[in-house]
Amino acid sequence: MTRASVWYAKLWRRIERLAAWLLLPLMALQFLSGYAILHWRLFSRILSKPTAFKIHHLIQPVTVAAIVVHGGAAIRRALRRRKLRGLSIDLALVLFGAGLVAFAVYLQLLG
């Protein structure tokens, strides 16, 4: 491995770990705001229904992006263990992940 590829692999691993740690508060907020939307009478003292909907709506694309980064890296490692590697596999994973994030952003912009 070249020095640049080692640096790239370390950078990607740090980004993946950051996405994994970011998923913890994001998923907690997703669950809390989702329950506050559905069961607004129980959560009215903590979070109003309109505020819960705004929170849920705003963090959804970020949550999807973190899931794509974290899950995409895990899928890539699993495929590499099964001897499925190469630029075409990496490109397909990146395009699929970018499509998912773009769709989440589109849904947020749709309202």
Protein backbone atom coordinates (compact mmCIF):
# COMPACT_ATOMS: atom_id res chain seq x y z
CA MET A 1 0.00 0.00 0.00
CA THR A 2 1.18 3.45 -0.79
CA ARG A 3 1.41 6.20 1.75
CA ALA A 4 -1.56 8.00 0.20
CA SER A 5 -3.78 4.92 0.29
CA VAL A 6 -2.93 4.29 3.95
CA TRP A 7 -3.79 7.90 4.74
CA TYR A 8 -7.06 7.57 2.80
CA ALA A 9 -7.96 4.35 4.61
CA LYS A 10 -7.32 5.94 8.01
CA LEU A 11 -9.36 9.02 7.07
CA TRP A 12 -12.26 6.88 5.87
CA ARG A 13 -12.14 4.82 9.08
CA ARG A 14 -12.31 8.02 11.17
CA ILE A 15 -15.29 9.27 9.13
CA GLU A 16 -17.00 5.92 9.60
CA ARG A 17 -16.44 6.00 13.36
CA LEU A 18 -17.71 9.56 13.54
CA ALA A 19 -20.86 8.50 11.68
CA ALA A 20 -21.33 5.58 14.07
CA TRP A 21 -21.07 7.80 17.15
CA LEU A 22 -23.28 10.42 15.53
CA LEU A 23 -25.96 7.78 15.03
CA LEU A 24 -26.47 7.37 18.79
CA PRO A 25 -27.90 10.85 19.51
CA LEU A 26 -29.55 11.05 16.09
CA MET A 27 -31.45 7.79 16.57
CA ALA A 28 -32.42 8.80 20.11
CA LEU A 29 -33.82 12.07 18.74
CA GLN A 30 -35.57 10.23 15.92
CA PHE A 31 -37.30 7.88 18.38
CA LEU A 32 -38.15 10.61 20.86
CA SER A 33 -39.56 12.96 18.23
CA GLY A 34 -41.40 10.12 16.49
CA TYR A 35 -43.08 9.05 19.71
CA ALA A 36 -43.86 12.69 20.52
CA ILE A 37 -45.60 12.98 17.14
CA LEU A 38 -47.63 9.79 17.58
CA HIS A 39 -48.31 10.00 21.31
CA TRP A 40 -48.45 13.75 21.75
CA ARG A 41 -50.56 13.56 24.91
CA LEU A 42 -47.86 11.61 26.72
CA PHE A 43 -45.02 13.85 25.54
CA SER A 44 -46.75 17.25 25.58
CA ARG A 45 -44.81 18.41 28.65
CA ILE A 46 -41.46 17.46 27.14
CA LEU A 47 -42.01 18.23 23.47
CA SER A 48 -44.94 19.71 21.62
CA LYS A 49 -46.19 17.94 18.51
CA PRO A 50 -45.18 20.74 16.07
CA THR A 51 -41.70 20.97 17.61
CA ALA A 52 -41.32 17.19 17.49
CA PHE A 53 -42.32 17.17 13.83
CA LYS A 54 -39.78 19.91 13.03
CA ILE A 55 -37.00 18.05 14.83
CA HIS A 56 -37.93 14.78 13.14
CA HIS A 57 -38.07 16.49 9.77
CA LEU A 58 -34.75 18.33 10.14
CA ILE A 59 -32.58 15.46 11.36
CA GLN A 60 -33.85 12.84 8.93
CA PRO A 61 -31.38 13.55 6.07
CA VAL A 62 -28.46 13.69 8.52
CA THR A 63 -29.55 10.37 10.02
CA VAL A 64 -29.83 8.78 6.58
CA ALA A 65 -26.36 10.08 5.65
CA ALA A 66 -24.85 8.65 8.85
CA ILE A 67 -26.56 5.30 8.24
CA VAL A 68 -25.29 5.24 4.64
CA VAL A 69 -21.69 5.95 5.70
CA HIS A 70 -21.75 3.47 8.58
CA GLY A 71 -23.68 0.77 6.71
CA GLY A 72 -21.85 1.26 3.43
CA ALA A 73 -18.48 0.70 5.08
CA ALA A 74 -19.76 -2.46 6.79
CA ILE A 75 -21.17 -3.77 3.51
CA ARG A 76 -17.88 -3.01 1.75
CA ARG A 77 -15.91 -4.94 4.39
CA ALA A 78 -18.33 -7.88 4.16
CA LEU A 79 -18.00 -7.98 0.38
CA ARG A 80 -14.20 -7.82 0.62
CA ARG A 81 -14.21 -10.81 3.00
CA ARG A 82 -16.10 -12.73 0.32
CA LYS A 83 -13.48 -11.78 -2.29
CA LEU A 84 -15.79 -9.28 -4.01
CA ARG A 85 -13.64 -6.22 -4.41
CA GLY A 86 -12.77 -3.71 -7.02
CA LEU A 87 -13.50 -0.26 -8.26
CA SER A 88 -16.90 -1.23 -9.70
CA ILE A 89 -18.12 -2.50 -6.30
CA ASP A 90 -16.90 0.67 -4.57
CA LEU A 91 -18.47 2.87 -7.23
CA ALA A 92 -21.79 1.03 -6.98
CA LEU A 93 -21.83 1.46 -3.18
CA VAL A 94 -21.00 5.16 -3.44
CA LEU A 95 -23.67 5.77 -6.09
CA PHE A 96 -26.29 3.84 -4.15
CA GLY A 97 -25.46 5.71 -0.94
CA ALA A 98 -25.47 9.08 -2.69
CA GLY A 99 -28.85 8.22 -4.18
CA LEU A 100 -30.29 7.39 -0.77
CA VAL A 101 -29.01 10.62 0.76
CA ALA A 102 -30.28 12.63 -2.22
CA PHE A 103 -33.70 11.00 -1.85
CA ALA A 104 -33.80 11.87 1.87
CA VAL A 105 -32.89 15.50 1.11
CA TYR A 106 -35.54 15.57 -1.64
CA LEU A 107 -38.18 14.32 0.80
CA GLN A 108 -37.17 16.96 3.33
CA LEU A 109 -37.39 19.72 0.74
CA LEU A 110 -40.77 18.38 -0.34
CA GLY A 111 -42.07 19.05 3.15
